[in-house]
Every structure is written in C-alpha cells, then in structure tokens.
Amino acid sequence: MPPPAAGYKLTYGDSVFYLKSNDYTVSPLLKGPGTYTVFPDNLQFDKNTGAITVSQKGTDGESQTGMWYKIKFKSSDGTQADSTLVLISGLTYVDKFYSLSQNDSIIYPIYNGDPSKAVPQGNYDLTADAKFAINAVNGQINIKECLRRGFFNSGVMGTGWKVATVKYAINDNSQQAANKIDIVLYYYRTISEVPSNVSALMQAHQQMTLGLRSLPGIPSTNGAIETNLPSDLSLSKPRPPCVIIVD
C-alpha cells in the first residue's frame, strides 16, 4: 500500500451514502499507514483503514443515519493530516422543547442533516402505532394528536417519558430500504418539572450534532434528577434525540 501523497486529501468520492438492501463498505480513495478517528463515534467504522460500513446500526447500537460525521486521518509519521464530512442518508429529529400553550406542537423531520432540504416522498409510518400521530407522507409528528390518542397513557412507567420508533422507507437513492430512528418524548406539565439531567443530555446531544448545533437552543432546567431514563441515553451518544413537551 503506497503512502499518502504530498498534500493528501481525505475523500470517499462522495459525502452522502445511502442504505441498500444489504450492508456495504466505502473506503478512502487514497490509503496509507496511519490512524482514522470519527466524531461522533457511533459510526460503524474501522480506525485502521477508514472504511465505513453503511448500515442502519452503528457500533453502539444506535441508528447512524441522518447525521453528519467528521472523519480525520493522521499518517503514521505525522506528516499528513486531513478531515472530511460524511453522512449516511436518512432522517433526524433535533432535541427541542415544545410548548403546547404556544401552539408549538409539530415535530418536523430533517432530511440528510439539512433543514432546508425537502423531505422525500415515502412511507414514514411503517410501524403503524395507532396512538403515535405521525404523518405517513411527510414524517411530521403531531404532539397534540398524540396526547389526544392517549400516547402517554400507557408504557410511561411513571417517569414522564416514552420511546417512539419511527420506521420509514423513502423514495431516494436508498430505493426504499427500511430505515428507522428512535425518539424519546417527555411530557411534563411545566418546565420547572423537567429534570436537570434531561436538559443536560439534550445539550450534550446538540454538541454532537454537526451542522445543527444551533437548532434550537436548549435551556438548562432545575427539576429533580431522573434516575429511570431509557437505557440507551448517554452524555456520550448523540442518539436518540429527546423531545420535551410542556403544557
């Protein structure tokens, strides 16, 4: 394997990759001895070769689609270094507070990490949960309708949160390959009830969401610490996104 040339540029030939019916790998066009790192680190990724496995699941078991990742390369002798951004195509929902009293009740999906992009046609309700009010055409989630249907009346375990899985297939270069994203929804009567560790988690998520860190700002809260959160929530993982709903 030849060493990277002078002025080495890290590239995968494209920056956006799409799910297929089977997992596949993409590798840097130029290869050489060195180390690759990625941020955030839930991308299925080989640190020795830079090869990315395009899959619905990342190394920590979270969905890796719909997020930008920054990959860095440093040669073994330290003379070459570069970085690039890649994205596995799909949806994301950002961490956000929603106030029902201000008619802020629609959770909008973001396609390919860019709020300005139109969401492609497809089926955004493969799960077909009768209590979870998601628009099958555009992936928008109607919070008030979720409440009306009793979405929070069961499975909440007395903690104020519930996990929803959005399973979807869309008409893009994925050719309707099955995709999904989990969202953790919290319902509290007032913002003063929101646990301080929940807002801290959301702030941590925002710092790991490349390109979307300012959409929107996450306030700190002073509610009692919640000790019974979903097991896959972590300050070191960007997923699943958290939605806070207050009256």
C-alpha atoms as a PDB file:
ATOM      1  CA  MET A   1       0.000   0.000   0.000  1.00  0.00           C
ATOM      2  CA  PRO A   2       1.654   3.282  -1.068  1.00  0.00           C
ATOM      3  CA  PRO A   3       1.901   6.115   1.439  1.00  0.00           C
ATOM      4  CA  PRO A   4      -0.336   9.152   1.049  1.00  0.00           C
ATOM      5  CA  ALA A   5       0.991  11.630  -1.479  1.00  0.00           C
ATOM      6  CA  ALA A   6       2.049  15.129  -0.563  1.00  0.00           C
ATOM      7  CA  GLY A   7      -0.982  17.314   0.010  1.00  0.00           C
ATOM      8  CA  TYR A   8      -3.019  14.245   0.911  1.00  0.00           C
ATOM      9  CA  LYS A   9      -6.770  14.786   0.741  1.00  0.00           C
ATOM     10  CA  LEU A  10      -9.146  12.519   2.633  1.00  0.00           C
ATOM     11  CA  THR A  11     -12.120  11.715   0.448  1.00  0.00           C
ATOM     12  CA  TYR A  12     -14.566   8.852  -0.067  1.00  0.00           C
ATOM     13  CA  GLY A  13     -15.558  10.030  -3.534  1.00  0.00           C
ATOM     14  CA  ASP A  14     -18.842  11.352  -2.149  1.00  0.00           C
ATOM     15  CA  SER A  15     -20.124  12.760   1.119  1.00  0.00           C
ATOM     16  CA  VAL A  16     -23.588  11.169   1.274  1.00  0.00           C
ATOM     17  CA  PHE A  17     -24.165   7.417   1.216  1.00  0.00           C
ATOM     18  CA  TYR A  18     -27.476   5.560   1.086  1.00  0.00           C
ATOM     19  CA  LEU A  19     -28.718   2.381   2.707  1.00  0.00           C
ATOM     20  CA  LYS A  20     -29.156  -0.618   0.467  1.00  0.00           C
ATOM     21  CA  SER A  21     -30.835  -3.966   0.968  1.00  0.00           C
ATOM     22  CA  ASN A  22     -27.500  -5.285   2.300  1.00  0.00           C
ATOM     23  CA  ASP A  23     -24.712  -3.647   4.293  1.00  0.00           C
ATOM     24  CA  TYR A  24     -21.698  -2.446   2.293  1.00  0.00           C
ATOM     25  CA  THR A  25     -18.423  -0.607   2.923  1.00  0.00           C
ATOM     26  CA  VAL A  26     -16.862   2.526   1.480  1.00  0.00           C
ATOM     27  CA  SER A  27     -13.171   3.327   1.878  1.00  0.00           C
ATOM     28  CA  PRO A  28     -10.975   6.385   1.368  1.00  0.00           C
ATOM     29  CA  LEU A  29      -9.817   6.763  -2.229  1.00  0.00           C
ATOM     30  CA  LEU A  30      -6.215   7.243  -1.071  1.00  0.00           C
ATOM     31  CA  LYS A  31      -4.877   4.931   1.586  1.00  0.00           C
ATOM     32  CA  GLY A  32      -1.763   4.861   3.663  1.00  0.00           C
ATOM     33  CA  PRO A  33      -0.435   3.904   7.102  1.00  0.00           C
ATOM     34  CA  GLY A  34      -1.997   5.980   9.818  1.00  0.00           C
ATOM     35  CA  THR A  35      -4.985   6.340  12.113  1.00  0.00           C
ATOM     36  CA  TYR A  36      -8.553   7.426  11.454  1.00  0.00           C
ATOM     37  CA  THR A  37     -10.899   8.912  14.023  1.00  0.00           C
ATOM     38  CA  VAL A  38     -14.540   9.915  13.790  1.00  0.00           C
ATOM     39  CA  PHE A  39     -16.842  12.310  15.652  1.00  0.00           C
ATOM     40  CA  PRO A  40     -19.347  11.500  16.958  1.00  0.00           C
ATOM     41  CA  ASP A  41     -18.111   7.970  17.500  1.00  0.00           C
ATOM     42  CA  ASN A  42     -21.257   5.922  16.864  1.00  0.00           C
ATOM     43  CA  LEU A  43     -20.396   5.341  13.206  1.00  0.00           C
ATOM     44  CA  GLN A  44     -19.596   1.768  12.181  1.00  0.00           C
ATOM     45  CA  PHE A  45     -16.040   2.500  11.201  1.00  0.00           C
ATOM     46  CA  ASP A  46     -12.545   0.922  11.004  1.00  0.00           C
ATOM     47  CA  LYS A  47      -9.990   3.201  12.677  1.00  0.00           C
ATOM     48  CA  ASN A  48      -7.092   1.500  10.869  1.00  0.00           C
ATOM     49  CA  THR A  49      -8.401   1.701   7.311  1.00  0.00           C
ATOM     50  CA  GLY A  50     -11.069   4.401   7.478  1.00  0.00           C
ATOM     51  CA  ALA A  51     -13.607   2.007   5.938  1.00  0.00           C
ATOM     52  CA  ILE A  52     -17.224   2.871   6.734  1.00  0.00           C
ATOM     53  CA  THR A  53     -19.893   0.199   6.925  1.00  0.00           C
ATOM     54  CA  VAL A  54     -23.087   1.665   5.507  1.00  0.00           C
ATOM     55  CA  SER A  55     -25.677   0.113   7.765  1.00  0.00           C
ATOM     56  CA  GLN A  56     -28.681   1.060   9.819  1.00  0.00           C
ATOM     57  CA  LYS A  57     -26.804   0.236  13.005  1.00  0.00           C
ATOM     58  CA  GLY A  58     -23.613   1.793  14.349  1.00  0.00           C
ATOM     59  CA  THR A  59     -21.079   0.430  16.799  1.00  0.00           C
ATOM     60  CA  ASP A  60     -23.139   1.443  19.852  1.00  0.00           C
ATOM     61  CA  GLY A  61     -26.391   0.025  18.535  1.00  0.00           C
ATOM     62  CA  GLU A  62     -27.881   3.372  17.647  1.00  0.00           C
ATOM     63  CA  SER A  63     -29.190   4.364  14.237  1.00  0.00           C
ATOM     64  CA  GLN A  64     -26.425   6.142  12.403  1.00  0.00           C
ATOM     65  CA  THR A  65     -28.498   7.547   9.543  1.00  0.00           C
ATOM     66  CA  GLY A  66     -29.392  11.205   9.041  1.00  0.00           C
ATOM     67  CA  MET A  67     -26.307  12.544  10.847  1.00  0.00           C
ATOM     68  CA  TRP A  68     -23.065  14.141   9.702  1.00  0.00           C
ATOM     69  CA  TYR A  69     -19.792  12.612  10.877  1.00  0.00           C
ATOM     70  CA  LYS A  70     -16.353  14.211  10.786  1.00  0.00           C
ATOM     71  CA  ILE A  71     -13.595  11.763   9.919  1.00  0.00           C
ATOM     72  CA  LYS A  72      -9.948  12.658  10.488  1.00  0.00           C
ATOM     73  CA  PHE A  73      -6.787  10.991   9.210  1.00  0.00           C
ATOM     74  CA  LYS A  74      -3.251  11.335  10.552  1.00  0.00           C
ATOM     75  CA  SER A  75      -0.372   9.468   8.905  1.00  0.00           C
ATOM     76  CA  SER A  76       1.897   7.280  10.989  1.00  0.00           C
ATOM     77  CA  ASP A  77       4.828   9.658  10.573  1.00  0.00           C
ATOM     78  CA  GLY A  78       2.696  12.693  11.407  1.00  0.00           C
ATOM     79  CA  THR A  79       3.422  14.479   8.126  1.00  0.00           C
ATOM     80  CA  GLN A  80      -0.058  14.113   6.611  1.00  0.00           C
ATOM     81  CA  ALA A  81      -3.428  15.027   8.070  1.00  0.00           C
ATOM     82  CA  ASP A  82      -6.838  15.844   6.687  1.00  0.00           C
ATOM     83  CA  SER A  83     -10.528  15.549   7.521  1.00  0.00           C
ATOM     84  CA  THR A  84     -13.830  15.231   5.729  1.00  0.00           C
ATOM     85  CA  LEU A  85     -17.560  15.045   6.465  1.00  0.00           C
ATOM     86  CA  VAL A  86     -19.787  12.110   5.535  1.00  0.00           C
ATOM     87  CA  LEU A  87     -23.442  11.323   6.091  1.00  0.00           C
ATOM     88  CA  ILE A  88     -25.464   8.121   5.917  1.00  0.00           C
ATOM     89  CA  SER A  89     -28.710   9.284   4.342  1.00  0.00           C
ATOM     90  CA  GLY A  90     -31.867   9.412   6.438  1.00  0.00           C
ATOM     91  CA  LEU A  91     -33.980  11.412   8.845  1.00  0.00           C
ATOM     92  CA  THR A  92     -33.189  13.069  12.111  1.00  0.00           C
ATOM     93  CA  TYR A  93     -35.286  14.915  14.658  1.00  0.00           C
ATOM     94  CA  VAL A  94     -33.495  17.512  16.765  1.00  0.00           C
ATOM     95  CA  ASP A  95     -33.562  17.783  20.548  1.00  0.00           C
ATOM     96  CA  LYS A  96     -36.069  20.508  21.377  1.00  0.00           C
ATOM     97  CA  PHE A  97     -38.575  21.907  23.879  1.00  0.00           C
ATOM     98  CA  TYR A  98     -42.186  22.185  22.667  1.00  0.00           C
ATOM     99  CA  SER A  99     -44.734  24.430  24.396  1.00  0.00           C
ATOM    100  CA  LEU A 100     -48.331  23.413  23.738  1.00  0.00           C
ATOM    101  CA  SER A 101     -49.661  26.715  25.120  1.00  0.00           C
ATOM    102  CA  GLN A 102     -47.797  28.483  22.307  1.00  0.00           C
ATOM    103  CA  ASN A 103     -49.174  26.101  19.648  1.00  0.00           C
ATOM    104  CA  ASP A 104     -45.718  24.610  19.176  1.00  0.00           C
ATOM    105  CA  SER A 105     -46.913  21.088  18.570  1.00  0.00           C
ATOM    106  CA  ILE A 106     -45.458  19.739  15.310  1.00  0.00           C
ATOM    107  CA  ILE A 107     -42.159  17.838  15.346  1.00  0.00           C
ATOM    108  CA  TYR A 108     -40.554  18.267  11.938  1.00  0.00           C
ATOM    109  CA  PRO A 109     -38.094  15.753  10.478  1.00  0.00           C
ATOM    110  CA  ILE A 110     -34.811  16.856   8.919  1.00  0.00           C
ATOM    111  CA  TYR A 111     -33.548  15.011   5.858  1.00  0.00           C
ATOM    112  CA  ASN A 112     -29.821  14.439   5.331  1.00  0.00           C
ATOM    113  CA  GLY A 113     -28.843  16.808   8.129  1.00  0.00           C
ATOM    114  CA  ASP A 114     -30.093  19.915   6.298  1.00  0.00           C
ATOM    115  CA  PRO A 115     -33.280  21.736   7.439  1.00  0.00           C
ATOM    116  CA  SER A 116     -33.577  23.425   4.029  1.00  0.00           C
ATOM    117  CA  LYS A 117     -33.909  20.116   2.169  1.00  0.00           C
ATOM    118  CA  ALA A 118     -37.361  18.851   1.267  1.00  0.00           C
ATOM    119  CA  VAL A 119     -38.323  15.536   2.826  1.00  0.00           C
ATOM    120  CA  PRO A 120     -38.664  12.972   0.003  1.00  0.00           C
ATOM    121  CA  GLN A 121     -41.875  11.115  -0.629  1.00  0.00           C
ATOM    122  CA  GLY A 122     -42.222   7.749   1.014  1.00  0.00           C
ATOM    123  CA  ASN A 123     -43.895   5.920   3.870  1.00  0.00           C
ATOM    124  CA  TYR A 124     -42.970   7.343   7.265  1.00  0.00           C
ATOM    125  CA  ASP A 125     -45.290   5.173   9.306  1.00  0.00           C
ATOM    126  CA  LEU A 126     -44.198   1.590   8.793  1.00  0.00           C
ATOM    127  CA  THR A 127     -44.802   0.917  12.492  1.00  0.00           C
ATOM    128  CA  ALA A 128     -48.454   1.993  12.290  1.00  0.00           C
ATOM    129  CA  ASP A 129     -48.873   2.717  16.017  1.00  0.00           C
ATOM    130  CA  ALA A 130     -52.445   3.964  16.353  1.00  0.00           C
ATOM    131  CA  LYS A 131     -51.525   6.177  19.331  1.00  0.00           C
ATOM    132  CA  PHE A 132     -48.488   7.763  17.705  1.00  0.00           C
ATOM    133  CA  ALA A 133     -49.666  10.516  15.376  1.00  0.00           C
ATOM    134  CA  ILE A 134     -47.084  10.654  12.611  1.00  0.00           C
ATOM    135  CA  ASN A 135     -47.932  11.816   9.098  1.00  0.00           C
ATOM    136  CA  ALA A 136     -47.118   8.880   6.831  1.00  0.00           C
ATOM    137  CA  VAL A 137     -46.479  11.232   3.899  1.00  0.00           C
ATOM    138  CA  ASN A 138     -44.022  13.727   5.411  1.00  0.00           C
ATOM    139  CA  GLY A 139     -42.840  12.313   8.758  1.00  0.00           C
ATOM    140  CA  GLN A 140     -44.238  15.177  10.836  1.00  0.00           C
ATOM    141  CA  ILE A 141     -45.335  14.215  14.349  1.00  0.00           C
ATOM    142  CA  ASN A 142     -48.426  15.911  15.804  1.00  0.00           C
ATOM    143  CA  ILE A 143     -47.895  16.193  19.553  1.00  0.00           C
ATOM    144  CA  LYS A 144     -51.435  17.311  20.410  1.00  0.00           C
ATOM    145  CA  GLU A 145     -52.876  14.414  18.444  1.00  0.00           C
ATOM    146  CA  CYS A 146     -50.510  12.003  20.223  1.00  0.00           C
ATOM    147  CA  LEU A 147     -51.902  13.280  23.525  1.00  0.00           C
ATOM    148  CA  ARG A 148     -55.497  13.063  22.305  1.00  0.00           C
ATOM    149  CA  ARG A 149     -54.975   9.445  21.253  1.00  0.00           C
ATOM    150  CA  GLY A 150     -53.518   8.547  24.662  1.00  0.00           C
ATOM    151  CA  PHE A 151     -49.913   8.008  23.590  1.00  0.00           C
ATOM    152  CA  PHE A 152     -48.634   8.832  27.095  1.00  0.00           C
ATOM    153  CA  ASN A 153     -51.321   6.920  28.971  1.00  0.00           C
ATOM    154  CA  SER A 154     -49.502   3.585  28.873  1.00  0.00           C
ATOM    155  CA  GLY A 155     -45.923   2.379  28.927  1.00  0.00           C
ATOM    156  CA  VAL A 156     -44.656   5.520  30.647  1.00  0.00           C
ATOM    157  CA  MET A 157     -43.539   3.724  33.839  1.00  0.00           C
ATOM    158  CA  GLY A 158     -44.410   6.784  35.912  1.00  0.00           C
ATOM    159  CA  THR A 159     -41.416   8.767  34.716  1.00  0.00           C
ATOM    160  CA  GLY A 160     -42.901  11.143  32.146  1.00  0.00           C
ATOM    161  CA  TRP A 161     -41.091   9.683  29.138  1.00  0.00           C
ATOM    162  CA  LYS A 162     -41.820   7.261  26.330  1.00  0.00           C
ATOM    163  CA  VAL A 163     -39.765   5.957  23.405  1.00  0.00           C
ATOM    164  CA  ALA A 164     -41.204   6.041  19.892  1.00  0.00           C
ATOM    165  CA  THR A 165     -39.628   4.311  16.906  1.00  0.00           C
ATOM    166  CA  VAL A 166     -40.176   5.921  13.517  1.00  0.00           C
ATOM    167  CA  LYS A 167     -39.780   3.239  10.853  1.00  0.00           C
ATOM    168  CA  TYR A 168     -39.787   4.540   7.295  1.00  0.00           C
ATOM    169  CA  ALA A 169     -38.894   3.880   3.668  1.00  0.00           C
ATOM    170  CA  ILE A 170     -38.364   6.780   1.286  1.00  0.00           C
ATOM    171  CA  ASN A 171     -38.028   7.426  -2.423  1.00  0.00           C
ATOM    172  CA  ASP A 172     -34.399   8.468  -2.686  1.00  0.00           C
ATOM    173  CA  ASN A 173     -31.230   6.653  -3.686  1.00  0.00           C
ATOM    174  CA  SER A 174     -31.884   4.153  -0.897  1.00  0.00           C
ATOM    175  CA  GLN A 175     -34.658   2.772  -3.111  1.00  0.00           C
ATOM    176  CA  GLN A 176     -36.988   2.467  -0.108  1.00  0.00           C
ATOM    177  CA  ALA A 177     -34.574   0.469   2.037  1.00  0.00           C
ATOM    178  CA  ALA A 178     -36.063   0.112   5.524  1.00  0.00           C
ATOM    179  CA  ASN A 179     -34.759   2.759   7.943  1.00  0.00           C
ATOM    180  CA  LYS A 180     -35.658   3.885  11.448  1.00  0.00           C
ATOM    181  CA  ILE A 181     -34.917   6.324  14.240  1.00  0.00           C
ATOM    182  CA  ASP A 182     -35.878   6.243  17.910  1.00  0.00           C
ATOM    183  CA  ILE A 183     -37.122   9.400  19.649  1.00  0.00           C
ATOM    184  CA  VAL A 184     -37.520   9.842  23.391  1.00  0.00           C
ATOM    185  CA  LEU A 185     -40.511  12.020  24.252  1.00  0.00           C
ATOM    186  CA  TYR A 186     -41.008  13.562  27.705  1.00  0.00           C
ATOM    187  CA  TYR A 187     -44.290  15.079  28.838  1.00  0.00           C
ATOM    188  CA  TYR A 188     -44.342  17.436  31.827  1.00  0.00           C
ATOM    189  CA  ARG A 189     -46.917  19.957  32.986  1.00  0.00           C
ATOM    190  CA  THR A 190     -44.404  22.789  33.434  1.00  0.00           C
ATOM    191  CA  ILE A 191     -40.797  23.451  32.545  1.00  0.00           C
ATOM    192  CA  SER A 192     -39.969  23.549  36.270  1.00  0.00           C
ATOM    193  CA  GLU A 193     -40.682  19.796  36.398  1.00  0.00           C
ATOM    194  CA  VAL A 194     -38.128  18.960  33.690  1.00  0.00           C
ATOM    195  CA  PRO A 195     -35.237  17.050  35.328  1.00  0.00           C
ATOM    196  CA  SER A 196     -31.894  18.823  35.210  1.00  0.00           C
ATOM    197  CA  ASN A 197     -30.162  15.740  33.808  1.00  0.00           C
ATOM    198  CA  VAL A 198     -32.644  15.534  30.931  1.00  0.00           C
ATOM    199  CA  SER A 199     -31.858  19.044  29.684  1.00  0.00           C
ATOM    200  CA  ALA A 200     -28.135  18.287  30.198  1.00  0.00           C
ATOM    201  CA  LEU A 201     -28.492  15.235  27.957  1.00  0.00           C
ATOM    202  CA  MET A 202     -30.137  17.368  25.282  1.00  0.00           C
ATOM    203  CA  GLN A 203     -27.356  19.939  25.456  1.00  0.00           C
ATOM    204  CA  ALA A 204     -24.776  17.167  25.072  1.00  0.00           C
ATOM    205  CA  HIS A 205     -26.651  15.787  22.061  1.00  0.00           C
ATOM    206  CA  GLN A 206     -26.633  19.206  20.445  1.00  0.00           C
ATOM    207  CA  GLN A 207     -22.858  19.448  20.709  1.00  0.00           C
ATOM    208  CA  MET A 208     -22.558  16.130  18.869  1.00  0.00           C
ATOM    209  CA  THR A 209     -24.982  17.030  16.086  1.00  0.00           C
ATOM    210  CA  LEU A 210     -22.741  18.536  13.428  1.00  0.00           C
ATOM    211  CA  GLY A 211     -24.344  21.317  11.393  1.00  0.00           C
ATOM    212  CA  LEU A 212     -27.398  21.541  13.662  1.00  0.00           C
ATOM    213  CA  ARG A 213     -25.877  22.701  16.961  1.00  0.00           C
ATOM    214  CA  SER A 214     -27.793  25.989  16.968  1.00  0.00           C
ATOM    215  CA  LEU A 215     -31.182  24.493  16.075  1.00  0.00           C
ATOM    216  CA  PRO A 216     -32.600  25.257  18.610  1.00  0.00           C
ATOM    217  CA  GLY A 217     -31.028  26.408  21.887  1.00  0.00           C
ATOM    218  CA  ILE A 218     -31.596  24.067  24.835  1.00  0.00           C
ATOM    219  CA  PRO A 219     -32.304  25.768  28.189  1.00  0.00           C
ATOM    220  CA  SER A 220     -30.993  24.328  31.430  1.00  0.00           C
ATOM    221  CA  THR A 221     -33.671  23.142  33.867  1.00  0.00           C
ATOM    222  CA  ASN A 222     -33.696  22.600  37.634  1.00  0.00           C
ATOM    223  CA  GLY A 223     -36.127  19.713  38.095  1.00  0.00           C
ATOM    224  CA  ALA A 224     -35.235  16.758  40.297  1.00  0.00           C
ATOM    225  CA  ILE A 225     -32.778  14.349  38.680  1.00  0.00           C
ATOM    226  CA  GLU A 226     -34.486  11.495  36.846  1.00  0.00           C
ATOM    227  CA  THR A 227     -32.903   8.124  37.633  1.00  0.00           C
ATOM    228  CA  ASN A 228     -35.126   5.960  35.424  1.00  0.00           C
ATOM    229  CA  LEU A 229     -34.263   7.170  31.942  1.00  0.00           C
ATOM    230  CA  PRO A 230     -34.180   4.937  28.846  1.00  0.00           C
ATOM    231  CA  SER A 231     -31.067   2.763  28.992  1.00  0.00           C
ATOM    232  CA  ASP A 232     -29.649   3.928  25.667  1.00  0.00           C
ATOM    233  CA  LEU A 233     -29.489   7.610  26.672  1.00  0.00           C
ATOM    234  CA  SER A 234     -25.963   8.814  27.360  1.00  0.00           C
ATOM    235  CA  LEU A 235     -23.983  12.042  27.507  1.00  0.00           C
ATOM    236  CA  SER A 236     -21.530  10.442  25.070  1.00  0.00           C
ATOM    237  CA  LYS A 237     -24.063   9.427  22.401  1.00  0.00           C
ATOM    238  CA  PRO A 238     -25.916  11.767  20.014  1.00  0.00           C
ATOM    239  CA  ARG A 239     -28.945   9.486  19.707  1.00  0.00           C
ATOM    240  CA  PRO A 240     -31.791   9.081  20.411  1.00  0.00           C
ATOM    241  CA  PRO A 241     -32.955  12.717  20.162  1.00  0.00           C
ATOM    242  CA  CYS A 242     -35.047  13.977  23.075  1.00  0.00           C
ATOM    243  CA  VAL A 243     -38.263  15.964  22.800  1.00  0.00           C
ATOM    244  CA  ILE A 244     -39.589  17.852  25.833  1.00  0.00           C
ATOM    245  CA  ILE A 245     -43.312  18.633  25.818  1.00  0.00           C
ATOM    246  CA  VAL A 246     -44.773  21.074  28.329  1.00  0.00           C
ATOM    247  CA  ASP A 247     -48.302  22.481  28.565  1.00  0.00           C
END
